[in-house]
């Protein structure tokens, strides 16, 4: 990954979630870690917004709070 080597703060509510929540504004190219993997952020993310930690196919559920 060629992005910024800054680790931004994100929150995972439940281990079953397929998203994390931005605990701070995150700039495009920043590397986040969801507890399992490093992920390069592809666009600016405002605080409080969700970030997918895996591909979520169209029609599939976004899982937050474990459900």
Protein backbone atom coordinates (compact mmCIF):
# COMPACT_ATOMS: atom_id res chain seq x y z
CA UNK A 1 0.00 0.00 0.00
CA UNK A 2 1.43 3.35 -0.99
CA UNK A 3 -0.73 5.55 1.26
CA UNK A 4 -0.01 7.60 4.32
CA UNK A 5 1.55 5.54 7.09
CA UNK A 6 -0.67 7.13 9.73
CA UNK A 7 -2.88 4.78 11.70
CA UNK A 8 -6.27 6.41 12.17
CA UNK A 9 -8.58 5.58 15.05
CA UNK A 10 -11.55 3.38 14.23
CA UNK A 11 -14.04 1.51 16.41
CA UNK A 12 -15.43 -1.96 15.87
CA UNK A 13 -18.65 -2.33 17.88
CA UNK A 14 -18.95 -6.13 17.57
CA UNK A 15 -16.56 -8.80 16.25
CA UNK A 16 -19.24 -9.90 13.75
CA UNK A 17 -19.39 -6.42 12.13
CA UNK A 18 -18.24 -5.96 8.53
CA UNK A 19 -17.69 -2.23 9.11
CA UNK A 20 -15.73 -0.06 11.54
CA UNK A 21 -16.62 3.48 12.59
CA UNK A 22 -14.27 6.43 12.04
CA UNK A 23 -13.45 7.88 15.48
CA UNK A 24 -11.74 10.83 13.78
CA UNK A 25 -11.66 12.38 10.32
CA UNK A 26 -9.65 10.08 8.04
CA UNK A 27 -7.98 11.31 4.86
CA UNK A 28 -7.80 9.35 1.61
CA UNK A 29 -4.72 7.13 1.52
CA UNK A 30 -4.51 6.74 5.31
CA UNK A 31 -3.95 3.21 6.61
CA UNK A 32 -6.38 1.93 9.22
CA UNK A 33 -6.25 -1.35 11.12
CA UNK A 34 -9.52 -3.08 11.98
CA UNK A 35 -7.86 -5.43 14.47
CA UNK A 36 -7.22 -8.07 11.81
CA UNK A 37 -5.81 -6.30 8.77
CA UNK A 38 -4.43 -3.01 7.47
CA UNK A 39 -6.79 -1.22 5.08
CA UNK A 40 -5.98 1.77 2.86
CA UNK A 41 -8.82 4.31 2.91
CA UNK A 42 -9.94 5.11 -0.66
CA UNK A 43 -11.68 8.44 0.05
CA UNK A 44 -11.91 11.04 2.83
CA UNK A 45 -14.09 9.73 5.68
CA UNK A 46 -15.84 12.10 8.12
CA UNK A 47 -15.90 11.23 11.82
CA UNK A 48 -18.73 8.82 12.69
CA UNK A 49 -19.02 7.29 9.22
CA UNK A 50 -18.74 3.57 8.48
CA UNK A 51 -15.83 1.96 6.64
CA UNK A 52 -16.27 -1.49 5.11
CA UNK A 53 -13.63 -4.00 6.25
CA UNK A 54 -14.49 -6.43 3.45
CA UNK A 55 -16.30 -6.38 0.14
CA UNK A 56 -20.05 -6.08 0.72
CA UNK A 57 -21.91 -7.19 -2.41
CA UNK A 58 -24.92 -5.15 -3.56
CA UNK A 59 -27.99 -6.33 -1.68
CA UNK A 60 -26.00 -7.76 1.25
CA UNK A 61 -26.37 -6.34 4.75
CA UNK A 62 -24.01 -3.91 6.40
CA UNK A 63 -23.41 -5.52 9.79
CA UNK A 64 -23.02 -3.13 12.74
CA UNK A 65 -23.72 -4.01 16.36
CA UNK A 66 -23.41 -7.68 15.35
CA UNK A 67 -26.63 -7.74 13.32
